[in-house]
């Protein structure tokens, strides 16, 4: 008689989406990142398309944007679990440049509340439309997957769900609670939508006590409308300031607030530095800065590639301003070295 498999039945996890984000060494080959070839905008240039002002010959992306594919036992184990449990991954489907290091470090980002967003931001490749029925069992399955993958740090992100009365806040809080029950040693970051700025829904998330509350402003104030369309700078910042206020009210002093920006959409250097000042004045703890890479011809055009030296300079400026942690680099994404931003886990991080 065959022994019964003691593991949970993860065949229903097909609808979980996992995003892996982090990066370190950059090396060829780059096909994982550039479907269609390493031309500007992922090989999606058409006649008449603008070429980034500092692109290489033929519109090619700079060498510093090439990445290595992951290796190592932890990476391989993570990949094996994902295959065995039939998990769909955004990091693979979108050829995320950072999945190798992220999986090798034992970190991952789950995207909950489906894969269809109610918004249509100019930079984002996530599908837009009418989301399917919300899967109320998803928090439990995310917690089980976190345990099975032995994750040290987990990031829970979400699509915008303007169709739900609370924007999905209760599902985020429930997911945090389920992970705490199954994996008490795993630190948790939530990367949430702006929840339309509703104080009660922000409170719902913060009262679940994530280690890091993250909401991205994405770009400088001047470009909010073309880049984010249905979002506003002041409302995004209020998510973090109100979250900090709720944490103080309930005695949760360990909450870390975090946001991120993309560069290359037409902002000026001075606008970037001014945006950083505004975020520091709002008492944001952690800032991530990365390069915008155009997903398709239907998305906003790429104006400029920032150099590693420019990103390093912004990191120095941010630390001098007083941010507790700044990650700044061409391939930095919102969850880059996210575990280091949890109090007590600080390490020296390279750009």
Protein backbone atom coordinates (compact mmCIF):
# COMPACT_ATOMS: atom_id res chain seq x y z
CA UNK A 1 0.00 0.00 0.00
CA UNK A 2 1.36 3.42 -0.94
CA UNK A 3 1.98 5.78 1.94
CA UNK A 4 -0.18 8.88 2.05
CA UNK A 5 1.69 12.09 1.20
CA UNK A 6 1.77 14.05 4.50
CA UNK A 7 2.16 17.42 2.80
CA UNK A 8 -0.83 19.74 2.35
CA UNK A 9 -2.61 19.51 -0.97
CA UNK A 10 -1.13 22.41 -2.87
CA UNK A 11 -2.71 21.58 -6.21
CA UNK A 12 -5.18 24.42 -5.55
CA UNK A 13 -2.30 26.89 -5.32
CA UNK A 14 -2.32 27.37 -9.08
CA UNK A 15 -3.85 30.79 -8.67
CA UNK A 16 -1.18 32.08 -6.28
CA UNK A 17 1.20 34.49 -7.94
CA UNK A 18 4.71 34.89 -6.58
CA UNK A 19 7.02 37.78 -7.37
CA UNK A 20 10.68 37.47 -6.47
CA UNK A 21 12.67 40.68 -6.10
CA UNK A 22 16.32 41.31 -5.23
CA UNK A 23 19.58 41.55 -7.11
CA UNK A 24 23.33 41.61 -6.67
CA UNK A 25 25.77 40.40 -9.34
CA UNK A 26 24.99 41.40 -12.91
CA UNK A 27 26.27 39.20 -15.72
CA UNK A 28 25.28 37.69 -19.02
CA UNK A 29 23.28 35.93 -20.29
CA UNK A 30 20.36 38.33 -20.25
CA UNK A 31 17.69 36.48 -22.19
CA UNK A 32 15.79 35.83 -18.95
CA UNK A 33 15.24 39.56 -18.74
CA UNK A 34 14.89 40.53 -22.37
CA UNK A 35 12.29 38.53 -24.28
CA UNK A 36 12.93 39.34 -27.92
CA UNK A 37 16.52 40.43 -27.35
CA UNK A 38 18.35 43.04 -25.31
CA UNK A 39 17.12 46.08 -27.23
CA UNK A 40 15.68 49.13 -25.55
CA UNK A 41 12.25 48.39 -24.08
CA UNK A 42 12.78 44.64 -24.12
CA UNK A 43 13.24 44.37 -27.87
CA UNK A 44 9.87 46.04 -28.45
CA UNK A 45 11.06 49.03 -30.46
CA UNK A 46 8.98 49.89 -33.51
CA UNK A 47 9.80 52.28 -36.36
CA UNK A 48 9.62 55.81 -35.03
CA UNK A 49 9.89 54.80 -31.37
CA UNK A 50 12.04 57.06 -29.25
CA UNK A 51 15.33 55.62 -28.00
CA UNK A 52 16.47 56.39 -24.47
CA UNK A 53 18.93 59.27 -24.53
CA UNK A 54 21.85 57.19 -23.28
CA UNK A 55 21.01 53.83 -24.86
CA UNK A 56 23.76 51.83 -26.51
CA UNK A 57 24.24 51.20 -30.25
CA UNK A 58 20.99 50.24 -31.95
CA UNK A 59 19.02 51.20 -28.85
CA UNK A 60 20.56 48.43 -26.78
CA UNK A 61 20.27 48.49 -23.03
CA UNK A 62 23.46 49.23 -21.11
CA UNK A 63 25.62 46.35 -20.00
CA UNK A 64 24.85 47.03 -16.33
CA UNK A 65 21.28 45.85 -16.89
CA UNK A 66 22.32 42.31 -17.71
CA UNK A 67 21.74 39.74 -14.98
CA UNK A 68 22.72 36.24 -14.08
CA UNK A 69 20.28 33.38 -13.76
CA UNK A 70 20.04 31.99 -10.25
CA UNK A 71 22.04 29.11 -8.88
CA UNK A 72 22.69 27.36 -5.60
CA UNK A 73 20.84 24.80 -3.51
CA UNK A 74 18.30 27.17 -1.94
CA UNK A 75 17.39 28.56 -5.34
CA UNK A 76 17.06 25.04 -6.72
CA UNK A 77 14.93 23.91 -3.78
CA UNK A 78 12.60 26.88 -4.19
CA UNK A 79 12.29 26.21 -7.89
CA UNK A 80 11.57 22.53 -7.19
CA UNK A 81 8.79 23.38 -4.70
CA UNK A 82 7.19 25.77 -7.15
CA UNK A 83 7.28 23.13 -9.87
CA UNK A 84 6.03 20.32 -7.62
CA UNK A 85 3.17 22.38 -6.28
CA UNK A 86 2.17 23.85 -9.65
CA UNK A 87 2.65 27.44 -8.53
CA UNK A 88 2.39 30.15 -11.14
CA UNK A 89 5.04 32.83 -10.70
CA UNK A 90 5.10 36.37 -11.95
CA UNK A 91 8.88 36.32 -11.55
CA UNK A 92 9.11 33.59 -14.18
CA UNK A 93 6.22 34.60 -16.39
CA UNK A 94 7.47 38.20 -16.55
CA UNK A 95 11.13 37.11 -16.62
CA UNK A 96 11.90 39.11 -13.52
CA UNK A 97 15.60 40.06 -13.49
CA UNK A 98 15.89 39.40 -9.78
CA UNK A 99 14.42 35.97 -9.20
CA UNK A 100 17.81 34.24 -9.01
CA UNK A 101 19.20 36.04 -6.00
CA UNK A 102 15.84 36.32 -4.29
CA UNK A 103 15.19 32.58 -4.40
CA UNK A 104 18.78 31.87 -3.40
CA UNK A 105 18.25 34.05 -0.31
CA UNK A 106 15.06 32.21 0.64
CA UNK A 107 12.73 35.17 0.15
CA UNK A 108 9.65 35.54 -2.02
CA UNK A 109 6.68 37.80 -2.65
CA UNK A 110 3.15 36.48 -2.92
CA UNK A 111 0.60 38.49 -4.85
CA UNK A 112 -2.85 37.99 -3.35
CA UNK A 113 -6.40 38.94 -4.34
CA UNK A 114 -5.93 37.60 -7.85
CA UNK A 115 -3.90 38.76 -10.82
CA UNK A 116 -6.35 41.27 -12.33
CA UNK A 117 -6.09 44.89 -11.20
CA UNK A 118 -8.91 47.44 -11.22
CA UNK A 119 -6.46 50.19 -12.22
CA UNK A 120 -4.48 50.76 -15.40
CA UNK A 121 -1.20 52.42 -14.49
CA UNK A 122 1.03 53.54 -17.35
CA UNK A 123 4.09 51.58 -16.20
CA UNK A 124 2.59 48.30 -15.01
CA UNK A 125 2.21 45.01 -16.89
CA UNK A 126 -0.43 43.51 -14.56
CA UNK A 127 -3.71 42.70 -16.33
CA UNK A 128 -6.48 45.26 -15.90
CA UNK A 129 -10.18 44.47 -15.79
CA UNK A 130 -12.90 42.97 -13.61
CA UNK A 131 -11.27 40.76 -10.96
CA UNK A 132 -12.65 37.26 -10.34
CA UNK A 133 -14.43 36.27 -7.15
CA UNK A 134 -12.14 36.71 -4.13
CA UNK A 135 -10.69 33.43 -2.86
CA UNK A 136 -11.28 33.49 0.90
CA UNK A 137 -9.03 30.46 1.45
CA UNK A 138 -6.02 32.21 -0.05
CA UNK A 139 -4.52 33.47 3.26
CA UNK A 140 -4.31 29.92 4.64
CA UNK A 141 -2.67 28.61 1.46
CA UNK A 142 -0.16 31.43 1.37
CA UNK A 143 0.82 30.59 4.96
CA UNK A 144 1.21 26.90 4.07
CA UNK A 145 3.32 27.74 1.04
CA UNK A 146 5.51 30.02 3.17
CA UNK A 147 6.12 27.14 5.56
CA UNK A 148 6.75 24.61 2.79
CA UNK A 149 9.26 26.94 1.13
CA UNK A 150 10.91 27.69 4.51
CA UNK A 151 10.90 31.41 3.81
CA UNK A 152 12.83 33.65 6.19
CA UNK A 153 11.06 36.78 4.98
CA UNK A 154 7.84 37.03 3.00
CA UNK A 155 6.34 39.98 1.17
CA UNK A 156 2.61 40.08 0.56
CA UNK A 157 1.66 42.32 -2.32
CA UNK A 158 -1.71 42.86 -3.94
CA UNK A 159 -3.46 44.17 -7.00
CA UNK A 160 -5.64 47.24 -6.48
CA UNK A 161 -9.15 46.03 -5.68
CA UNK A 162 -11.36 49.10 -5.93
CA UNK A 163 -14.29 46.74 -6.48
CA UNK A 164 -14.16 45.62 -2.83
CA UNK A 165 -15.66 47.79 -0.05
CA UNK A 166 -12.41 47.66 1.94
CA UNK A 167 -10.07 47.46 -1.05
CA UNK A 168 -8.84 44.05 0.13
CA UNK A 169 -7.57 45.24 3.53
CA UNK A 170 -9.17 42.39 5.49
CA UNK A 171 -7.61 39.79 3.18
CA UNK A 172 -4.18 41.34 3.72
CA UNK A 173 -4.69 41.30 7.49
CA UNK A 174 -5.94 37.71 7.42
CA UNK A 175 -2.90 36.64 5.40
CA UNK A 176 -0.58 38.26 7.96
CA UNK A 177 -2.43 36.44 10.76
CA UNK A 178 -2.26 33.06 9.04
CA UNK A 179 1.47 33.42 8.34
CA UNK A 180 2.08 34.33 11.99
CA UNK A 181 0.28 31.16 13.10
CA UNK A 182 2.12 28.83 10.73
CA UNK A 183 5.50 30.57 10.60
CA UNK A 184 6.17 32.60 13.78
CA UNK A 185 9.84 33.11 12.85
CA UNK A 186 9.13 34.58 9.40
CA UNK A 187 9.18 38.35 9.08
CA UNK A 188 6.40 39.92 7.02
CA UNK A 189 6.23 42.92 4.72
CA UNK A 190 3.02 44.07 3.06
CA UNK A 191 3.12 46.08 -0.16
CA UNK A 192 -0.40 47.44 -0.39
CA UNK A 193 -2.46 49.62 -2.70
CA UNK A 194 -3.44 53.06 -1.46
CA UNK A 195 -6.83 51.63 -0.35
CA UNK A 196 -8.22 54.93 -1.65
CA UNK A 197 -6.74 56.55 1.45
CA UNK A 198 -9.45 55.19 3.77
CA UNK A 199 -8.17 55.44 7.38
CA UNK A 200 -10.22 52.48 8.65
CA UNK A 201 -8.81 50.15 5.98
CA UNK A 202 -5.24 51.27 6.62
CA UNK A 203 -5.90 50.59 10.32
CA UNK A 204 -7.12 47.08 9.51
CA UNK A 205 -3.77 46.27 7.89
CA UNK A 206 -1.58 47.89 10.57
CA UNK A 207 -3.45 46.28 13.46
CA UNK A 208 -2.38 42.90 12.02
CA UNK A 209 1.18 44.06 12.80
CA UNK A 210 3.28 43.49 9.69
CA UNK A 211 6.98 44.17 10.21
CA UNK A 212 7.07 46.52 7.22
CA UNK A 213 4.24 48.64 5.77
CA UNK A 214 5.09 49.42 2.15
CA UNK A 215 3.24 51.52 -0.39
CA UNK A 216 5.04 52.90 -3.44
CA UNK A 217 4.74 56.47 -4.67
CA UNK A 218 6.39 55.15 -7.90
CA UNK A 219 7.49 58.53 -9.31
CA UNK A 220 7.91 62.23 -8.53
CA UNK A 221 4.85 64.39 -7.79
CA UNK A 222 4.76 66.05 -11.24
CA UNK A 223 4.43 62.71 -13.06
CA UNK A 224 1.83 61.07 -10.81
CA UNK A 225 -1.08 61.54 -13.21
CA UNK A 226 0.43 60.01 -16.38
CA UNK A 227 2.22 57.26 -14.45
CA UNK A 228 -0.43 56.26 -11.91
CA UNK A 229 -3.64 57.77 -13.34
CA UNK A 230 -5.97 56.99 -10.43
CA UNK A 231 -3.51 57.71 -7.63
CA UNK A 232 -2.23 60.85 -5.95
CA UNK A 233 1.07 61.67 -4.25
CA UNK A 234 -0.53 63.11 -1.11
CA UNK A 235 -2.86 60.15 -0.73
CA UNK A 236 -0.01 57.67 -1.12
CA UNK A 237 2.09 59.43 1.50
CA UNK A 238 -0.92 59.51 3.83
CA UNK A 239 -1.09 55.70 3.72
CA UNK A 240 2.31 55.60 5.40
CA UNK A 241 1.83 58.52 7.79
CA UNK A 242 -1.56 57.26 8.94
CA UNK A 243 -0.17 53.75 9.29
CA UNK A 244 2.60 55.08 11.51
CA UNK A 245 0.03 56.92 13.61
CA UNK A 246 -2.06 53.77 14.09
CA UNK A 247 1.06 51.81 15.08
CA UNK A 248 1.93 54.42 17.72
CA UNK A 249 -1.63 54.35 19.02
CA UNK A 250 -1.63 50.58 19.54
CA UNK A 251 1.90 50.49 20.96
CA UNK A 252 3.46 48.85 17.90
CA UNK A 253 6.71 50.80 17.85
CA UNK A 254 8.51 48.35 15.59
CA UNK A 255 6.59 49.17 12.41
CA UNK A 256 8.82 50.16 9.49
CA UNK A 257 7.35 52.36 6.75
CA UNK A 258 8.66 52.06 3.22
CA UNK A 259 8.14 53.38 -0.30
CA UNK A 260 9.79 53.18 -3.71
CA UNK A 261 10.33 55.13 -6.92
CA UNK A 262 11.23 54.25 -10.52
CA UNK A 263 13.53 56.48 -12.56
CA UNK A 264 13.67 57.03 -16.30
CA UNK A 265 10.17 58.35 -16.96
CA UNK A 266 11.19 61.94 -17.66
CA UNK A 267 11.77 63.28 -14.16
CA UNK A 268 14.68 65.64 -13.48
CA UNK A 269 17.44 65.03 -10.95
CA UNK A 270 16.24 67.92 -8.83
CA UNK A 271 12.70 66.49 -8.83
CA UNK A 272 14.02 63.16 -7.56
CA UNK A 273 15.96 64.79 -4.73
CA UNK A 274 12.97 66.99 -3.81
CA UNK A 275 10.70 63.91 -3.74
CA UNK A 276 13.18 62.24 -1.41
CA UNK A 277 13.07 65.29 0.88
CA UNK A 278 9.26 65.15 0.97
CA UNK A 279 9.30 61.45 1.85
CA UNK A 280 11.85 61.98 4.61
CA UNK A 281 9.76 64.82 6.03
CA UNK A 282 6.85 62.36 6.12
CA UNK A 283 9.04 60.11 8.33
CA UNK A 284 9.30 57.27 5.81
CA UNK A 285 11.97 54.86 7.07
CA UNK A 286 13.02 52.95 3.95
CA UNK A 287 13.34 54.07 0.33
CA UNK A 288 13.96 51.95 -2.77
CA UNK A 289 14.98 53.49 -6.11
CA UNK A 290 15.23 51.50 -9.34
CA UNK A 291 15.24 51.83 -13.12
CA UNK A 292 11.96 51.85 -15.05
CA UNK A 293 11.99 49.24 -17.81
CA UNK A 294 9.16 49.51 -20.32
CA UNK A 295 7.08 46.29 -20.38
CA UNK A 296 5.60 46.84 -23.87
CA UNK A 297 4.84 49.40 -26.55
CA UNK A 298 1.53 50.06 -24.82
CA UNK A 299 3.30 51.33 -21.71
CA UNK A 300 4.95 54.66 -21.01
CA UNK A 301 8.12 55.26 -23.03
CA UNK A 302 11.53 55.07 -21.40
CA UNK A 303 13.33 58.41 -21.40
CA UNK A 304 16.66 57.67 -19.72
CA UNK A 305 18.82 54.91 -18.29
CA UNK A 306 20.37 56.05 -15.01
CA UNK A 307 23.91 54.82 -14.43
CA UNK A 308 25.04 52.78 -11.41
CA UNK A 309 27.03 55.82 -10.28
CA UNK A 310 23.90 57.98 -10.32
CA UNK A 311 22.00 55.40 -8.28
CA UNK A 312 24.88 55.21 -5.83
CA UNK A 313 24.82 58.99 -5.50
CA UNK A 314 21.09 58.93 -4.72
CA UNK A 315 21.68 56.28 -2.07
CA UNK A 316 24.31 58.50 -0.43
CA UNK A 317 21.99 61.52 -0.60
CA UNK A 318 19.16 59.51 0.97
CA UNK A 319 21.29 58.25 3.84
CA UNK A 320 22.59 61.77 4.47
CA UNK A 321 18.99 62.99 4.62
CA UNK A 322 18.34 60.51 7.41
CA UNK A 323 16.51 57.56 5.84
CA UNK A 324 17.15 54.46 7.91
CA UNK A 325 17.71 52.33 4.81
CA UNK A 326 18.11 53.15 1.11
CA UNK A 327 18.36 50.62 -1.70
CA UNK A 328 19.24 52.31 -4.99
CA UNK A 329 20.39 50.57 -8.15
CA UNK A 330 19.40 49.85 -11.76
CA UNK A 331 17.67 46.56 -10.98
CA UNK A 332 16.44 47.38 -7.48
CA UNK A 333 12.77 46.56 -7.05
CA UNK A 334 10.53 47.17 -4.07
CA UNK A 335 11.49 43.99 -2.20
CA UNK A 336 15.23 44.20 -2.83
CA UNK A 337 16.99 42.82 0.29
CA UNK A 338 13.70 43.35 2.13
CA UNK A 339 14.67 41.19 5.11
CA UNK A 340 17.51 43.59 5.94
CA UNK A 341 14.95 46.32 6.58
CA UNK A 342 13.33 44.46 9.48
CA UNK A 343 14.58 45.82 12.83
CA UNK A 344 17.33 43.59 14.18
CA UNK A 345 18.31 42.24 10.78
CA UNK A 346 20.28 45.20 9.48
CA UNK A 347 23.33 44.39 7.40
CA UNK A 348 25.52 46.42 5.13
CA UNK A 349 23.87 46.34 1.70
CA UNK A 350 25.54 47.06 -1.59
CA UNK A 351 23.92 49.04 -4.36
